[in-house]
Amino acid sequence: MEYWSLQIEKLLSSLETSKKGLGGKEAEKRLGEYGYNTIKKEETRSALKIFLSQFKNPLIYILVFATIIAAFVGDKTEAVIILAIVFLNSVLGFFQEYRSEKALEKLRKYIKFKAKVF
């Protein structure tokens, strides 16, 4: 619903409230129905999950398939080089993503949400 475009009377009636706000009983009822107005914390991913997520890429699948073909054809040098590149790419991606997750956790500690309600 586009609350910002409604007239004040329609907005208040759609939210079942008044200009004075909710009464104590109605506030308790809604608190029981909807719960506290809190921001849910996202589950932090473990290092293993971050590393494994590096392999969820279609390009990686293509390179692994190319490695299998190179090994099947008998060109073991190319197969090893492709695997090394895939592994190096995954390790670098892991470190970048892991550091950014840790930086995000630190930033979340500084964020405070406050609201005045009457």
Protein backbone atom coordinates (compact mmCIF):
# COMPACT_ATOMS: atom_id res chain seq x y z
CA MET A 1 0.00 0.00 0.00
CA GLU A 2 1.29 3.45 -0.86
CA TYR A 3 0.81 5.12 2.52
CA TRP A 4 2.48 8.35 1.49
CA SER A 5 -0.18 9.04 -1.16
CA LEU A 6 -3.23 8.58 1.11
CA GLN A 7 -5.18 11.31 2.81
CA ILE A 8 -4.55 11.41 6.57
CA GLU A 9 -8.07 10.18 7.43
CA LYS A 10 -7.82 7.22 5.03
CA LEU A 11 -4.35 6.39 6.30
CA LEU A 12 -5.44 6.39 9.92
CA SER A 13 -8.50 4.27 9.19
CA SER A 14 -6.50 1.75 7.14
CA LEU A 15 -4.04 1.38 10.03
CA GLU A 16 -6.92 1.32 12.53
CA THR A 17 -5.49 4.12 14.63
CA SER A 18 -6.08 7.82 15.36
CA LYS A 19 -4.03 10.99 15.53
CA LYS A 20 -3.51 10.29 19.22
CA GLY A 21 -1.96 6.88 18.50
CA LEU A 22 -2.86 3.45 19.81
CA GLY A 23 -4.35 2.78 23.19
CA GLY A 24 -2.47 0.60 25.67
CA LYS A 25 -4.61 -2.49 25.07
CA GLU A 26 -4.41 -2.14 21.29
CA ALA A 27 -0.64 -1.63 21.48
CA GLU A 28 -0.26 -4.81 23.57
CA LYS A 29 -2.52 -6.72 21.18
CA ARG A 30 -0.47 -5.65 18.16
CA LEU A 31 2.77 -6.37 19.98
CA GLY A 32 1.53 -9.90 20.60
CA GLU A 33 0.38 -10.23 17.00
CA TYR A 34 3.34 -8.68 15.17
CA GLY A 35 6.14 -8.89 17.73
CA TYR A 36 8.77 -6.31 18.53
CA ASN A 37 9.92 -3.88 15.86
CA THR A 38 13.45 -5.20 15.60
CA ILE A 39 15.80 -5.75 12.74
CA LYS A 40 16.66 -9.40 12.36
CA LYS A 41 20.34 -10.23 12.40
CA GLU A 42 21.54 -12.07 9.37
CA GLU A 43 23.23 -15.35 9.97
CA THR A 44 26.98 -14.99 9.47
CA ARG A 45 28.50 -17.50 7.13
CA SER A 46 31.33 -19.71 8.24
CA ALA A 47 34.69 -19.63 6.48
CA LEU A 48 33.96 -23.01 4.91
CA LYS A 49 30.66 -21.80 3.44
CA ILE A 50 32.37 -18.72 2.05
CA PHE A 51 35.09 -20.85 0.46
CA LEU A 52 32.61 -23.32 -1.04
CA SER A 53 30.52 -20.47 -2.44
CA GLN A 54 33.49 -19.55 -4.62
CA PHE A 55 32.78 -22.67 -6.68
CA LYS A 56 29.15 -21.71 -7.41
CA ASN A 57 30.00 -20.04 -10.67
CA PRO A 58 29.24 -21.25 -14.20
CA LEU A 59 32.71 -20.20 -15.35
CA ILE A 60 34.26 -22.47 -12.72
CA TYR A 61 32.12 -25.37 -13.99
CA ILE A 62 33.36 -24.71 -17.52
CA LEU A 63 36.99 -24.65 -16.36
CA VAL A 64 36.58 -27.87 -14.38
CA PHE A 65 35.01 -29.47 -17.45
CA ALA A 66 37.96 -28.22 -19.54
CA THR A 67 40.30 -29.77 -16.96
CA ILE A 68 38.55 -33.12 -17.31
CA ILE A 69 38.76 -32.95 -21.09
CA ALA A 70 42.45 -31.96 -20.98
CA ALA A 71 43.19 -34.85 -18.63
CA PHE A 72 41.19 -37.26 -20.79
CA VAL A 73 43.03 -36.18 -23.93
CA GLY A 74 46.31 -36.69 -22.12
CA ASP A 75 47.46 -33.11 -21.70
CA LYS A 76 48.15 -33.28 -17.98
CA THR A 77 50.14 -30.03 -17.92
CA GLU A 78 47.14 -28.01 -19.12
CA ALA A 79 44.85 -29.84 -16.67
CA VAL A 80 47.13 -28.97 -13.76
CA ILE A 81 47.45 -25.33 -14.90
CA ILE A 82 43.67 -24.94 -15.21
CA LEU A 83 43.12 -26.52 -11.79
CA ALA A 84 45.75 -24.24 -10.27
CA ILE A 85 44.06 -21.18 -11.76
CA VAL A 86 40.64 -22.30 -10.47
CA PHE A 87 42.08 -22.92 -7.00
CA LEU A 88 43.99 -19.62 -6.92
CA ASN A 89 40.89 -17.74 -8.06
CA SER A 90 38.83 -19.42 -5.34
CA VAL A 91 41.39 -18.65 -2.63
CA LEU A 92 41.63 -14.99 -3.65
CA GLY A 93 37.84 -14.68 -3.84
CA PHE A 94 37.55 -16.33 -0.43
CA PHE A 95 39.94 -13.88 1.24
CA GLN A 96 38.21 -10.88 -0.30
CA GLU A 97 34.76 -12.04 0.72
CA TYR A 98 35.89 -13.15 4.20
CA ARG A 99 37.51 -9.77 4.92
CA SER A 100 34.45 -7.90 3.66
CA GLU A 101 32.18 -10.00 5.93
CA LYS A 102 34.38 -9.19 8.93
CA ALA A 103 34.40 -5.49 8.04
CA LEU A 104 30.61 -5.55 7.73
CA GLU A 105 30.31 -7.14 11.19
CA LYS A 106 32.47 -4.36 12.66
CA LEU A 107 30.38 -1.69 10.95
CA ARG A 108 27.14 -3.19 12.31
CA LYS A 109 28.42 -2.65 15.86
CA TYR A 110 28.41 1.10 15.26
CA ILE A 111 24.87 1.31 13.89
CA LYS A 112 22.25 2.26 16.45
CA PHE A 113 18.56 2.47 15.69
CA LYS A 114 16.41 4.72 17.83
CA ALA A 115 12.83 5.84 17.46
CA LYS A 116 10.51 7.93 19.53
CA VAL A 117 7.01 6.56 19.74
CA PHE A 118 4.06 8.18 21.39
